[in-house]
Amino acid sequence: MNPPTVNLGTSGLTTINLAGTGNHDITASSATIETFAISNAYDNGGILRGLTTGDKIDLTAADGATDITIVEVNAGSVDAAGEYYFDSATKILTWFEAGGTQVSIQLVGVTGVQMTAASVLTII
């Protein structure tokens, strides 16, 4: 089975839930501010394209009981609950899931993220 590829285009969707296996490849809409809610069932390898300022990556469902709020100095240091790191060179966002696993997603074209609420990162 091929990984899912989705172009949100002019769908107008504002919340997109990512869960399960497979290398999701999603192109965001430039006309809509979207929230990508990533669940604890998400298992790596996804790609988000076309993100614009104000779009959000919501890790609330992935964090379990520990809010993800602690920024680390590199992806290799993300090894405990509550930690995350965004590598602006590789465009990879890495966090530590409630299940005790380091997880990541590529944010193509993004130059930075900002923690705007516990477990919620906003594209800047």
PDB file of N, CA and C in Angstrom:
ATOM      1  N   MET A   1       0.825  -1.173   0.000  1.00  0.00           N
ATOM      2  CA  MET A   1       0.000   0.000   0.000  1.00  0.00           C
ATOM      3  C   MET A   1       0.877   1.246   0.000  1.00  0.00           C
ATOM      4  N   ASN A   2       0.540   2.219  -0.840  1.00  0.00           N
ATOM      5  CA  ASN A   2       1.281   3.462  -0.896  1.00  0.00           C
ATOM      6  C   ASN A   2       0.876   4.374   0.254  1.00  0.00           C
ATOM      7  N   PRO A   3       1.831   5.193   0.734  1.00  0.00           N
ATOM      8  CA  PRO A   3       1.478   6.149   1.782  1.00  0.00           C
ATOM      9  C   PRO A   3       0.455   7.160   1.261  1.00  0.00           C
ATOM     10  N   PRO A   4      -0.394   7.678   2.147  1.00  0.00           N
ATOM     11  CA  PRO A   4      -1.389   8.648   1.693  1.00  0.00           C
ATOM     12  C   PRO A   4      -0.754   9.974   1.281  1.00  0.00           C
ATOM     13  N   THR A   5      -1.211  10.529   0.170  1.00  0.00           N
ATOM     14  CA  THR A   5      -0.788  11.841  -0.304  1.00  0.00           C
ATOM     15  C   THR A   5      -2.044  12.679  -0.469  1.00  0.00           C
ATOM     16  N   VAL A   6      -2.062  13.849   0.186  1.00  0.00           N
ATOM     17  CA  VAL A   6      -3.257  14.685   0.186  1.00  0.00           C
ATOM     18  C   VAL A   6      -2.866  16.126  -0.098  1.00  0.00           C
ATOM     19  N   ASN A   7      -3.590  16.772  -0.999  1.00  0.00           N
ATOM     20  CA  ASN A   7      -3.437  18.200  -1.242  1.00  0.00           C
ATOM     21  C   ASN A   7      -4.731  18.848  -0.773  1.00  0.00           C
ATOM     22  N   LEU A   8      -4.645  19.679   0.265  1.00  0.00           N
ATOM     23  CA  LEU A   8      -5.845  20.284   0.835  1.00  0.00           C
ATOM     24  C   LEU A   8      -6.431  21.380  -0.047  1.00  0.00           C
ATOM     25  N   GLY A   9      -5.628  21.929  -0.948  1.00  0.00           N
ATOM     26  CA  GLY A   9      -6.121  22.890  -1.933  1.00  0.00           C
ATOM     27  C   GLY A   9      -7.082  23.901  -1.357  1.00  0.00           C
ATOM     28  N   THR A  10      -8.295  23.930  -1.870  1.00  0.00           N
ATOM     29  CA  THR A  10      -9.307  24.882  -1.413  1.00  0.00           C
ATOM     30  C   THR A  10     -10.361  24.206  -0.529  1.00  0.00           C
ATOM     31  N   SER A  11      -9.980  23.143   0.146  1.00  0.00           N
ATOM     32  CA  SER A  11     -10.930  22.375   0.959  1.00  0.00           C
ATOM     33  C   SER A  11     -11.560  23.199   2.081  1.00  0.00           C
ATOM     34  N   GLY A  12     -10.822  24.143   2.625  1.00  0.00           N
ATOM     35  CA  GLY A  12     -11.328  24.937   3.741  1.00  0.00           C
ATOM     36  C   GLY A  12     -11.233  24.242   5.082  1.00  0.00           C
ATOM     37  N   LEU A  13     -10.690  23.036   5.114  1.00  0.00           N
ATOM     38  CA  LEU A  13     -10.529  22.327   6.389  1.00  0.00           C
ATOM     39  C   LEU A  13      -9.597  23.116   7.300  1.00  0.00           C
ATOM     40  N   THR A  14      -9.932  23.190   8.574  1.00  0.00           N
ATOM     41  CA  THR A  14      -9.083  23.920   9.512  1.00  0.00           C
ATOM     42  C   THR A  14      -8.359  23.007  10.489  1.00  0.00           C
ATOM     43  N   THR A  15      -8.849  21.777  10.676  1.00  0.00           N
ATOM     44  CA  THR A  15      -8.179  20.811  11.542  1.00  0.00           C
ATOM     45  C   THR A  15      -7.990  19.512  10.783  1.00  0.00           C
ATOM     46  N   ILE A  16      -6.751  19.051  10.759  1.00  0.00           N
ATOM     47  CA  ILE A  16      -6.406  17.814  10.063  1.00  0.00           C
ATOM     48  C   ILE A  16      -5.754  16.903  11.103  1.00  0.00           C
ATOM     49  N   ASN A  17      -6.319  15.723  11.302  1.00  0.00           N
ATOM     50  CA  ASN A  17      -5.800  14.775  12.285  1.00  0.00           C
ATOM     51  C   ASN A  17      -4.880  13.772  11.613  1.00  0.00           C
ATOM     52  N   LEU A  18      -3.684  13.613  12.176  1.00  0.00           N
ATOM     53  CA  LEU A  18      -2.724  12.642  11.660  1.00  0.00           C
ATOM     54  C   LEU A  18      -2.530  11.545  12.699  1.00  0.00           C
ATOM     55  N   ALA A  19      -2.760  10.305  12.276  1.00  0.00           N
ATOM     56  CA  ALA A  19      -2.606   9.172  13.172  1.00  0.00           C
ATOM     57  C   ALA A  19      -2.215   7.954  12.356  1.00  0.00           C
ATOM     58  N   GLY A  20      -1.656   6.973  13.022  1.00  0.00           N
ATOM     59  CA  GLY A  20      -1.407   5.689  12.381  1.00  0.00           C
ATOM     60  C   GLY A  20      -0.109   5.605  11.612  1.00  0.00           C
ATOM     61  N   THR A  21       0.000   4.508  10.879  1.00  0.00           N
ATOM     62  CA  THR A  21       1.225   4.221  10.153  1.00  0.00           C
ATOM     63  C   THR A  21       1.177   4.799   8.753  1.00  0.00           C
ATOM     64  N   GLY A  22       2.326   4.871   8.148  1.00  0.00           N
ATOM     65  CA  GLY A  22       2.394   5.380   6.788  1.00  0.00           C
ATOM     66  C   GLY A  22       3.045   6.740   6.739  1.00  0.00           C
ATOM     67  N   ASN A  23       3.724   7.004   5.681  1.00  0.00           N
ATOM     68  CA  ASN A  23       4.411   8.269   5.503  1.00  0.00           C
ATOM     69  C   ASN A  23       3.464   9.278   4.884  1.00  0.00           C
ATOM     70  N   HIS A  24       2.658   9.914   5.692  1.00  0.00           N
ATOM     71  CA  HIS A  24       1.718  10.920   5.220  1.00  0.00           C
ATOM     72  C   HIS A  24       2.475  11.996   4.441  1.00  0.00           C
ATOM     73  N   ASP A  25       1.948  12.428   3.328  1.00  0.00           N
ATOM     74  CA  ASP A  25       2.525  13.521   2.544  1.00  0.00           C
ATOM     75  C   ASP A  25       1.378  14.485   2.255  1.00  0.00           C
ATOM     76  N   ILE A  26       1.336  15.577   3.004  1.00  0.00           N
ATOM     77  CA  ILE A  26       0.189  16.480   2.949  1.00  0.00           C
ATOM     78  C   ILE A  26       0.642  17.867   2.533  1.00  0.00           C
ATOM     79  N   THR A  27      -0.068  18.454   1.586  1.00  0.00           N
ATOM     80  CA  THR A  27       0.173  19.830   1.174  1.00  0.00           C
ATOM     81  C   THR A  27      -0.936  20.691   1.757  1.00  0.00           C
ATOM     82  N   ALA A  28      -0.529  21.657   2.572  1.00  0.00           N
ATOM     83  CA  ALA A  28      -1.478  22.547   3.233  1.00  0.00           C
ATOM     84  C   ALA A  28      -2.060  23.537   2.232  1.00  0.00           C
ATOM     85  N   SER A  29      -3.157  24.148   2.620  1.00  0.00           N
ATOM     86  CA  SER A  29      -3.794  25.182   1.813  1.00  0.00           C
ATOM     87  C   SER A  29      -3.182  26.528   2.159  1.00  0.00           C
ATOM     88  N   SER A  30      -2.861  27.320   1.164  1.00  0.00           N
ATOM     89  CA  SER A  30      -2.323  28.656   1.432  1.00  0.00           C
ATOM     90  C   SER A  30      -3.437  29.632   1.792  1.00  0.00           C
ATOM     91  N   ALA A  31      -4.687  29.235   1.584  1.00  0.00           N
ATOM     92  CA  ALA A  31      -5.825  30.133   1.824  1.00  0.00           C
ATOM     93  C   ALA A  31      -6.457  29.947   3.203  1.00  0.00           C
ATOM     94  N   THR A  32      -6.006  28.951   3.960  1.00  0.00           N
ATOM     95  CA  THR A  32      -6.639  28.616   5.242  1.00  0.00           C
ATOM     96  C   THR A  32      -5.564  28.407   6.303  1.00  0.00           C
ATOM     97  N   ILE A  33      -5.792  28.953   7.495  1.00  0.00           N
ATOM     98  CA  ILE A  33      -4.918  28.642   8.627  1.00  0.00           C
ATOM     99  C   ILE A  33      -5.370  27.287   9.158  1.00  0.00           C
ATOM    100  N   GLU A  34      -4.442  26.339   9.180  1.00  0.00           N
ATOM    101  CA  GLU A  34      -4.776  24.962   9.555  1.00  0.00           C
ATOM    102  C   GLU A  34      -4.064  24.547  10.833  1.00  0.00           C
ATOM    103  N   THR A  35      -4.680  23.616  11.533  1.00  0.00           N
ATOM    104  CA  THR A  35      -4.066  22.969  12.686  1.00  0.00           C
ATOM    105  C   THR A  35      -3.909  21.500  12.344  1.00  0.00           C
ATOM    106  N   PHE A  36      -2.686  20.998  12.425  1.00  0.00           N
ATOM    107  CA  PHE A  36      -2.402  19.592  12.184  1.00  0.00           C
ATOM    108  C   PHE A  36      -2.260  18.925  13.546  1.00  0.00           C
ATOM    109  N   ALA A  37      -3.291  18.179  13.943  1.00  0.00           N
ATOM    110  CA  ALA A  37      -3.327  17.517  15.241  1.00  0.00           C
ATOM    111  C   ALA A  37      -2.719  16.126  15.092  1.00  0.00           C
ATOM    112  N   ILE A  38      -1.614  15.919  15.772  1.00  0.00           N
ATOM    113  CA  ILE A  38      -0.889  14.655  15.635  1.00  0.00           C
ATOM    114  C   ILE A  38      -1.164  13.794  16.862  1.00  0.00           C
ATOM    115  N   SER A  39      -1.665  12.596  16.617  1.00  0.00           N
ATOM    116  CA  SER A  39      -2.043  11.714  17.728  1.00  0.00           C
ATOM    117  C   SER A  39      -0.866  10.865  18.186  1.00  0.00           C
ATOM    118  N   ASN A  40      -1.063  10.216  19.312  1.00  0.00           N
ATOM    119  CA  ASN A  40      -0.053   9.315  19.847  1.00  0.00           C
ATOM    120  C   ASN A  40       0.145   8.101  18.935  1.00  0.00           C
ATOM    121  N   ALA A  41      -0.806   7.842  18.045  1.00  0.00           N
ATOM    122  CA  ALA A  41      -0.709   6.705  17.127  1.00  0.00           C
ATOM    123  C   ALA A  41       0.147   7.019  15.892  1.00  0.00           C
ATOM    124  N   TYR A  42       0.474   8.289  15.673  1.00  0.00           N
ATOM    125  CA  TYR A  42       1.326   8.672  14.536  1.00  0.00           C
ATOM    126  C   TYR A  42       2.709   8.052  14.732  1.00  0.00           C
ATOM    127  N   ASP A  43       3.303   7.542  13.645  1.00  0.00           N
ATOM    128  CA  ASP A  43       4.543   6.781  13.831  1.00  0.00           C
ATOM    129  C   ASP A  43       5.734   7.208  12.972  1.00  0.00           C
ATOM    130  N   ASN A  44       5.883   8.473  12.656  1.00  0.00           N
ATOM    131  CA  ASN A  44       7.079   8.968  11.940  1.00  0.00           C
ATOM    132  C   ASN A  44       6.918   9.013  10.431  1.00  0.00           C
ATOM    133  N   GLY A  45       7.835   9.720   9.809  1.00  0.00           N
ATOM    134  CA  GLY A  45       7.985   9.704   8.370  1.00  0.00           C
ATOM    135  C   GLY A  45       7.091  10.630   7.586  1.00  0.00           C
ATOM    136  N   GLY A  46       6.262  11.406   8.247  1.00  0.00           N
ATOM    137  CA  GLY A  46       5.346  12.279   7.526  1.00  0.00           C
ATOM    138  C   GLY A  46       6.024  13.528   6.980  1.00  0.00           C
ATOM    139  N   ILE A  47       5.367  14.120   5.990  1.00  0.00           N
ATOM    140  CA  ILE A  47       5.842  15.358   5.382  1.00  0.00           C
ATOM    141  C   ILE A  47       4.653  16.310   5.287  1.00  0.00           C
ATOM    142  N   LEU A  48       4.843  17.525   5.789  1.00  0.00           N
ATOM    143  CA  LEU A  48       3.855  18.580   5.617  1.00  0.00           C
ATOM    144  C   LEU A  48       4.467  19.643   4.724  1.00  0.00           C
ATOM    145  N   ARG A  49       3.774  19.976   3.643  1.00  0.00           N
ATOM    146  CA  ARG A  49       4.252  20.966   2.682  1.00  0.00           C
ATOM    147  C   ARG A  49       3.304  22.159   2.670  1.00  0.00           C
ATOM    148  N   GLY A  50       3.808  23.293   2.219  1.00  0.00           N
ATOM    149  CA  GLY A  50       2.954  24.453   2.003  1.00  0.00           C
ATOM    150  C   GLY A  50       2.458  25.124   3.265  1.00  0.00           C
ATOM    151  N   LEU A  51       3.087  24.847   4.399  1.00  0.00           N
ATOM    152  CA  LEU A  51       2.677  25.497   5.642  1.00  0.00           C
ATOM    153  C   LEU A  51       2.977  26.990   5.559  1.00  0.00           C
ATOM    154  N   THR A  52       2.094  27.790   6.143  1.00  0.00           N
ATOM    155  CA  THR A  52       2.288  29.238   6.134  1.00  0.00           C
ATOM    156  C   THR A  52       2.234  29.767   7.566  1.00  0.00           C
ATOM    157  N   THR A  53       2.688  30.989   7.737  1.00  0.00           N
ATOM    158  CA  THR A  53       2.690  31.624   9.049  1.00  0.00           C
ATOM    159  C   THR A  53       1.305  31.520   9.680  1.00  0.00           C
ATOM    160  N   GLY A  54       1.278  31.038  10.899  1.00  0.00           N
ATOM    161  CA  GLY A  54       0.016  30.889  11.628  1.00  0.00           C
ATOM    162  C   GLY A  54      -0.514  29.474  11.669  1.00  0.00           C
ATOM    163  N   ASP A  55      -0.098  28.622  10.717  1.00  0.00           N
ATOM    164  CA  ASP A  55      -0.492  27.210  10.797  1.00  0.00           C
ATOM    165  C   ASP A  55       0.076  26.625  12.080  1.00  0.00           C
ATOM    166  N   LYS A  56      -0.582  25.590  12.607  1.00  0.00           N
ATOM    167  CA  LYS A  56      -0.182  25.023  13.892  1.00  0.00           C
ATOM    168  C   LYS A  56       0.069  23.521  13.795  1.00  0.00           C
ATOM    169  N   ILE A  57       1.008  23.071  14.613  1.00  0.00           N
ATOM    170  CA  ILE A  57       1.251  21.647  14.823  1.00  0.00           C
ATOM    171  C   ILE A  57       0.844  21.394  16.268  1.00  0.00           C
ATOM    172  N   ASP A  58      -0.229  20.642  16.460  1.00  0.00           N
ATOM    173  CA  ASP A  58      -0.773  20.388  17.793  1.00  0.00           C
ATOM    174  C   ASP A  58      -0.384  18.986  18.227  1.00  0.00           C
ATOM    175  N   LEU A  59       0.489  18.917  19.235  1.00  0.00           N
ATOM    176  CA  LEU A  59       0.984  17.637  19.741  1.00  0.00           C
ATOM    177  C   LEU A  59       0.264  17.209  21.015  1.00  0.00           C
ATOM    178  N   THR A  60      -0.852  17.854  21.355  1.00  0.00           N
ATOM    179  CA  THR A  60      -1.567  17.561  22.593  1.00  0.00           C
ATOM    180  C   THR A  60      -1.922  16.082  22.706  1.00  0.00           C
ATOM    181  N   ALA A  61      -2.424  15.481  21.649  1.00  0.00           N
ATOM    182  CA  ALA A  61      -2.801  14.067  21.694  1.00  0.00           C
ATOM    183  C   ALA A  61      -1.583  13.157  21.731  1.00  0.00           C
ATOM    184  N   ALA A  62      -0.428  13.668  21.338  1.00  0.00           N
ATOM    185  CA  ALA A  62       0.795  12.867  21.331  1.00  0.00           C
ATOM    186  C   ALA A  62       1.545  12.948  22.654  1.00  0.00           C
ATOM    187  N   ASP A  63       1.205  13.943  23.485  1.00  0.00           N
ATOM    188  CA  ASP A  63       2.019  14.164  24.671  1.00  0.00           C
ATOM    189  C   ASP A  63       1.599  13.355  25.897  1.00  0.00           C
ATOM    190  N   GLY A  64       0.439  12.722  25.857  1.00  0.00           N
ATOM    191  CA  GLY A  64      -0.027  11.998  27.039  1.00  0.00           C
ATOM    192  C   GLY A  64      -0.283  12.981  28.159  1.00  0.00           C
ATOM    193  N   ALA A  65       0.229  12.713  29.328  1.00  0.00           N
ATOM    194  CA  ALA A  65      -0.003  13.572  30.485  1.00  0.00           C
ATOM    195  C   ALA A  65       1.054  14.662  30.641  1.00  0.00           C
ATOM    196  N   THR A  66       2.101  14.632  29.822  1.00  0.00           N
ATOM    197  CA  THR A  66       3.190  15.597  29.945  1.00  0.00           C
ATOM    198  C   THR A  66       3.162  16.565  28.773  1.00  0.00           C
ATOM    199  N   ASP A  67       2.931  17.840  29.052  1.00  0.00           N
ATOM    200  CA  ASP A  67       2.944  18.841  27.996  1.00  0.00           C
ATOM    201  C   ASP A  67       4.327  18.913  27.352  1.00  0.00           C
ATOM    202  N   ILE A  68       4.339  19.079  26.046  1.00  0.00           N
ATOM    203  CA  ILE A  68       5.593  19.237  25.320  1.00  0.00           C
ATOM    204  C   ILE A  68       5.918  20.725  25.313  1.00  0.00           C
ATOM    205  N   THR A  69       6.909  21.115  26.120  1.00  0.00           N
ATOM    206  CA  THR A  69       7.248  22.529  26.272  1.00  0.00           C
ATOM    207  C   THR A  69       8.745  22.793  26.332  1.00  0.00           C
ATOM    208  N   ILE A  70       9.565  21.760  26.413  1.00  0.00           N
ATOM    209  CA  ILE A  70      10.995  21.938  26.640  1.00  0.00           C
ATOM    210  C   ILE A  70      11.742  21.815  25.317  1.00  0.00           C
ATOM    211  N   VAL A  71      12.312  22.917  24.845  1.00  0.00           N
ATOM    212  CA  VAL A  71      13.069  22.881  23.603  1.00  0.00           C
ATOM    213  C   VAL A  71      14.475  22.357  23.908  1.00  0.00           C
ATOM    214  N   GLU A  72      14.968  21.461  23.069  1.00  0.00           N
ATOM    215  CA  GLU A  72      16.299  20.883  23.231  1.00  0.00           C
ATOM    216  C   GLU A  72      17.268  21.490  22.226  1.00  0.00           C
ATOM    217  N   VAL A  73      18.565  21.242  22.414  1.00  0.00           N
ATOM    218  CA  VAL A  73      19.598  21.825  21.561  1.00  0.00           C
ATOM    219  C   VAL A  73      19.782  21.082  20.242  1.00  0.00           C
ATOM    220  N   ASN A  74      19.336  19.828  20.175  1.00  0.00           N
ATOM    221  CA  ASN A  74      19.385  19.060  18.925  1.00  0.00           C
ATOM    222  C   ASN A  74      18.456  17.867  19.044  1.00  0.00           C
ATOM    223  N   ALA A  75      18.168  17.241  17.904  1.00  0.00           N
ATOM    224  CA  ALA A  75      17.210  16.130  17.889  1.00  0.00           C
ATOM    225  C   ALA A  75      17.688  14.960  18.740  1.00  0.00           C
ATOM    226  N   GLY A  76      18.986  14.733  18.792  1.00  0.00           N
ATOM    227  CA  GLY A  76      19.519  13.632  19.586  1.00  0.00           C
ATOM    228  C   GLY A  76      19.273  13.788  21.072  1.00  0.00           C
ATOM    229  N   SER A  77      19.052  15.020  21.509  1.00  0.00           N
ATOM    230  CA  SER A  77      18.793  15.284  22.933  1.00  0.00           C
ATOM    231  C   SER A  77      17.336  15.111  23.319  1.00  0.00           C
ATOM    232  N   VAL A  78      16.465  14.901  22.343  1.00  0.00           N
ATOM    233  CA  VAL A  78      15.035  14.695  22.630  1.00  0.00           C
ATOM    234  C   VAL A  78      14.866  13.248  23.078  1.00  0.00           C
ATOM    235  N   ASP A  79      14.896  13.066  24.410  1.00  0.00           N
ATOM    236  CA  ASP A  79      14.882  11.702  24.932  1.00  0.00           C
ATOM    237  C   ASP A  79      14.039  11.545  26.200  1.00  0.00           C
ATOM    238  N   ALA A  80      13.175  12.526  26.450  1.00  0.00           N
ATOM    239  CA  ALA A  80      12.323  12.436  27.637  1.00  0.00           C
ATOM    240  C   ALA A  80      11.004  13.164  27.386  1.00  0.00           C
ATOM    241  N   ALA A  81      10.014  12.796  28.149  1.00  0.00           N
ATOM    242  CA  ALA A  81       8.687  13.402  28.016  1.00  0.00           C
ATOM    243  C   ALA A  81       8.778  14.921  28.107  1.00  0.00           C
ATOM    244  N   GLY A  82       8.033  15.607  27.229  1.00  0.00           N
ATOM    245  CA  GLY A  82       7.962  17.055  27.256  1.00  0.00           C
ATOM    246  C   GLY A  82       8.959  17.772  26.375  1.00  0.00           C
ATOM    247  N   GLU A  83       9.824  17.036  25.679  1.00  0.00           N
ATOM    248  CA  GLU A  83      10.887  17.667  24.899  1.00  0.00           C
ATOM    249  C   GLU A  83      10.587  17.693  23.402  1.00  0.00           C
ATOM    250  N   TYR A  84      11.110  18.726  22.733  1.00  0.00           N
ATOM    251  CA  TYR A  84      10.994  18.832  21.276  1.00  0.00           C
ATOM    252  C   TYR A  84      12.182  19.616  20.724  1.00  0.00           C
ATOM    253  N   TYR A  85      12.382  19.507  19.416  1.00  0.00           N
ATOM    254  CA  TYR A  85      13.417  20.284  18.731  1.00  0.00           C
ATOM    255  C   TYR A  85      13.014  20.454  17.270  1.00  0.00           C
ATOM    256  N   PHE A  86      13.183  21.663  16.734  1.00  0.00           N
ATOM    257  CA  PHE A  86      12.982  21.903  15.306  1.00  0.00           C
ATOM    258  C   PHE A  86      14.319  22.264  14.696  1.00  0.00           C
ATOM    259  N   ASP A  87      14.725  21.477  13.694  1.00  0.00           N
ATOM    260  CA  ASP A  87      15.978  21.718  12.987  1.00  0.00           C
ATOM    261  C   ASP A  87      15.667  22.553  11.747  1.00  0.00           C
ATOM    262  N   SER A  88      16.054  23.812  11.757  1.00  0.00           N
ATOM    263  CA  SER A  88      15.715  24.706  10.654  1.00  0.00           C
ATOM    264  C   SER A  88      16.481  24.380   9.374  1.00  0.00           C
ATOM    265  N   ALA A  89      17.557  23.612   9.472  1.00  0.00           N
ATOM    266  CA  ALA A  89      18.303  23.214   8.273  1.00  0.00           C
ATOM    267  C   ALA A  89      17.628  22.037   7.566  1.00  0.00           C
ATOM    268  N   THR A  90      17.246  21.012   8.334  1.00  0.00           N
ATOM    269  CA  THR A  90      16.632  19.822   7.735  1.00  0.00           C
ATOM    270  C   THR A  90      15.109  19.925   7.681  1.00  0.00           C
ATOM    271  N   LYS A  91      14.551  20.901   8.417  1.00  0.00           N
ATOM    272  CA  LYS A  91      13.092  21.119   8.495  1.00  0.00           C
ATOM    273  C   LYS A  91      12.381  19.983   9.223  1.00  0.00           C
ATOM    274  N   ILE A  92      13.089  19.309  10.127  1.00  0.00           N
ATOM    275  CA  ILE A  92      12.527  18.177  10.869  1.00  0.00           C
ATOM    276  C   ILE A  92      12.143  18.625  12.284  1.00  0.00           C
ATOM    277  N   LEU A  93      10.879  18.377  12.637  1.00  0.00           N
ATOM    278  CA  LEU A  93      10.393  18.604  13.995  1.00  0.00           C
ATOM    279  C   LEU A  93      10.403  17.250  14.700  1.00  0.00           C
ATOM    280  N   THR A  94      11.078  17.192  15.840  1.00  0.00           N
ATOM    281  CA  THR A  94      11.198  15.952  16.615  1.00  0.00           C
ATOM    282  C   THR A  94      10.634  16.192  18.009  1.00  0.00           C
ATOM    283  N   TRP A  95       9.886  15.226  18.523  1.00  0.00           N
ATOM    284  CA  TRP A  95       9.361  15.319  19.886  1.00  0.00           C
ATOM    285  C   TRP A  95       9.364  13.946  20.515  1.00  0.00           C
ATOM    286  N   PHE A  96       9.154  13.908  21.825  1.00  0.00           N
ATOM    287  CA  PHE A  96       9.121  12.653  22.562  1.00  0.00           C
ATOM    288  C   PHE A  96       7.685  12.361  22.939  1.00  0.00           C
ATOM    289  N   GLU A  97       7.167  11.250  22.434  1.00  0.00           N
ATOM    290  CA  GLU A  97       5.765  10.881  22.653  1.00  0.00           C
ATOM    291  C   GLU A  97       5.550  10.231  24.011  1.00  0.00           C
ATOM    292  N   ALA A  98       4.296  10.257  24.415  1.00  0.00           N
ATOM    293  CA  ALA A  98       3.905   9.672  25.695  1.00  0.00           C
ATOM    294  C   ALA A  98       4.289   8.202  25.797  1.00  0.00           C
ATOM    295  N   GLY A  99       4.306   7.502  24.671  1.00  0.00           N
ATOM    296  CA  GLY A  99       4.629   6.084  24.678  1.00  0.00           C
ATOM    297  C   GLY A  99       6.105   5.784  24.843  1.00  0.00           C
ATOM    298  N   GLY A 100       6.926   6.822  25.025  1.00  0.00           N
ATOM    299  CA  GLY A 100       8.347   6.617  25.230  1.00  0.00           C
ATOM    300  C   GLY A 100       9.138   6.510  23.950  1.00  0.00           C
ATOM    301  N   THR A 101       8.687   7.202  22.919  1.00  0.00           N
ATOM    302  CA  THR A 101       9.321   7.110  21.614  1.00  0.00           C
ATOM    303  C   THR A 101       9.631   8.492  21.061  1.00  0.00           C
ATOM    304  N   GLN A 102      10.795   8.616  20.425  1.00  0.00           N
ATOM    305  CA  GLN A 102      11.115   9.840  19.709  1.00  0.00           C
ATOM    306  C   GLN A 102      10.439   9.775  18.344  1.00  0.00           C
ATOM    307  N   VAL A 103       9.718  10.829  17.964  1.00  0.00           N
ATOM    308  CA  VAL A 103       8.944  10.860  16.735  1.00  0.00           C
ATOM    309  C   VAL A 103       9.273  12.151  15.985  1.00  0.00           C
ATOM    310  N   SER A 104       9.143  12.113  14.633  1.00  0.00           N
ATOM    311  CA  SER A 104       9.453  13.324  13.870  1.00  0.00           C
ATOM    312  C   SER A 104       8.565  13.446  12.641  1.00  0.00           C
ATOM    313  N   ILE A 105       8.532  14.680  12.120  1.00  0.00           N
ATOM    314  CA  ILE A 105       7.811  14.990  10.898  1.00  0.00           C
ATOM    315  C   ILE A 105       8.580  16.107  10.198  1.00  0.00           C
ATOM    316  N   GLN A 106       8.603  16.067   8.877  1.00  0.00           N
ATOM    317  CA  GLN A 106       9.293  17.106   8.117  1.00  0.00           C
ATOM    318  C   GLN A 106       8.321  18.219   7.760  1.00  0.00           C
ATOM    319  N   LEU A 107       8.739  19.461   8.005  1.00  0.00           N
ATOM    320  CA  LEU A 107       7.929  20.638   7.719  1.00  0.00           C
ATOM    321  C   LEU A 107       8.595  21.399   6.572  1.00  0.00           C
ATOM    322  N   VAL A 108       8.361  20.963   5.351  1.00  0.00           N
ATOM    323  CA  VAL A 108       9.046  21.495   4.164  1.00  0.00           C
ATOM    324  C   VAL A 108       8.811  22.998   4.042  1.00  0.00           C
ATOM    325  N   GLY A 109       9.911  23.751   3.873  1.00  0.00           N
ATOM    326  CA  GLY A 109       9.832  25.183   3.645  1.00  0.00           C
ATOM    327  C   GLY A 109       9.677  26.035   4.885  1.00  0.00           C
ATOM    328  N   VAL A 110       9.557  25.423   6.043  1.00  0.00           N
ATOM    329  CA  VAL A 110       9.376  26.176   7.292  1.00  0.00           C
ATOM    330  C   VAL A 110      10.732  26.618   7.823  1.00  0.00           C
ATOM    331  N   THR A 111      10.827  27.870   8.240  1.00  0.00           N
ATOM    332  CA  THR A 111      12.091  28.378   8.786  1.00  0.00           C
ATOM    333  C   THR A 111      12.099  28.428  10.301  1.00  0.00           C
ATOM    334  N   GLY A 112      10.924  28.367  10.920  1.00  0.00           N
ATOM    335  CA  GLY A 112      10.892  28.390  12.371  1.00  0.00           C
ATOM    336  C   GLY A 112       9.528  28.057  12.927  1.00  0.00           C
ATOM    337  N   VAL A 113       9.528  27.617  14.187  1.00  0.00           N
ATOM    338  CA  VAL A 113       8.295  27.351  14.916  1.00  0.00           C
ATOM    339  C   VAL A 113       8.399  28.035  16.275  1.00  0.00           C
ATOM    340  N   GLN A 114       7.244  28.340  16.842  1.00  0.00           N
ATOM    341  CA  GLN A 114       7.212  28.981  18.151  1.00  0.00           C
ATOM    342  C   GLN A 114       6.168  28.285  19.015  1.00  0.00           C
ATOM    343  N   MET A 115       6.548  27.969  20.251  1.00  0.00           N
ATOM    344  CA  MET A 115       5.601  27.370  21.189  1.00  0.00           C
ATOM    345  C   MET A 115       4.614  28.461  21.583  1.00  0.00           C
ATOM    346  N   THR A 116       3.343  28.288  21.239  1.00  0.00           N
ATOM    347  CA  THR A 116       2.329  29.300  21.549  1.00  0.00           C
ATOM    348  C   THR A 116       1.352  28.835  22.619  1.00  0.00           C
ATOM    349  N   ALA A 117       1.368  27.584  22.931  1.00  0.00           N
ATOM    350  CA  ALA A 117       0.596  27.000  24.029  1.00  0.00           C
ATOM    351  C   ALA A 117       1.262  25.662  24.331  1.00  0.00           C
ATOM    352  N   ALA A 118       0.975  25.087  25.481  1.00  0.00           N
ATOM    353  CA  ALA A 118       1.561  23.793  25.810  1.00  0.00           C
ATOM    354  C   ALA A 118       1.240  22.801  24.711  1.00  0.00           C
ATOM    355  N   SER A 119       2.257  22.186  24.156  1.00  0.00           N
ATOM    356  CA  SER A 119       2.160  21.164  23.105  1.00  0.00           C
ATOM    357  C   SER A 119       1.642  21.680  21.768  1.00  0.00           C
ATOM    358  N   VAL A 120       1.610  23.001  21.567  1.00  0.00           N
ATOM    359  CA  VAL A 120       1.171  23.568  20.309  1.00  0.00           C
ATOM    360  C   VAL A 120       2.269  24.485  19.762  1.00  0.00           C
ATOM    361  N   LEU A 121       2.718  24.148  18.555  1.00  0.00           N
ATOM    362  CA  LEU A 121       3.749  24.950  17.882  1.00  0.00           C
ATOM    363  C   LEU A 121       3.110  25.676  16.705  1.00  0.00           C
ATOM    364  N   THR A 122       3.444  26.953  16.559  1.00  0.00           N
ATOM    365  CA  THR A 122       2.911  27.755  15.479  1.00  0.00           C
ATOM    366  C   THR A 122       4.028  28.079  14.497  1.00  0.00           C
ATOM    367  N   ILE A 123       3.721  27.961  13.208  1.00  0.00           N
ATOM    368  CA  ILE A 123       4.692  28.283  12.167  1.00  0.00           C
ATOM    369  C   ILE A 123       4.921  29.790  12.162  1.00  0.00           C
ATOM    370  N   ILE A 124       6.187  30.200  12.161  1.00  0.00           N
ATOM    371  CA  ILE A 124       6.509  31.642  12.131  1.00  0.00           C
ATOM    372  C   ILE A 124       7.282  31.987  10.877  1.00  0.00           C
TER     373      ILE A 124
END
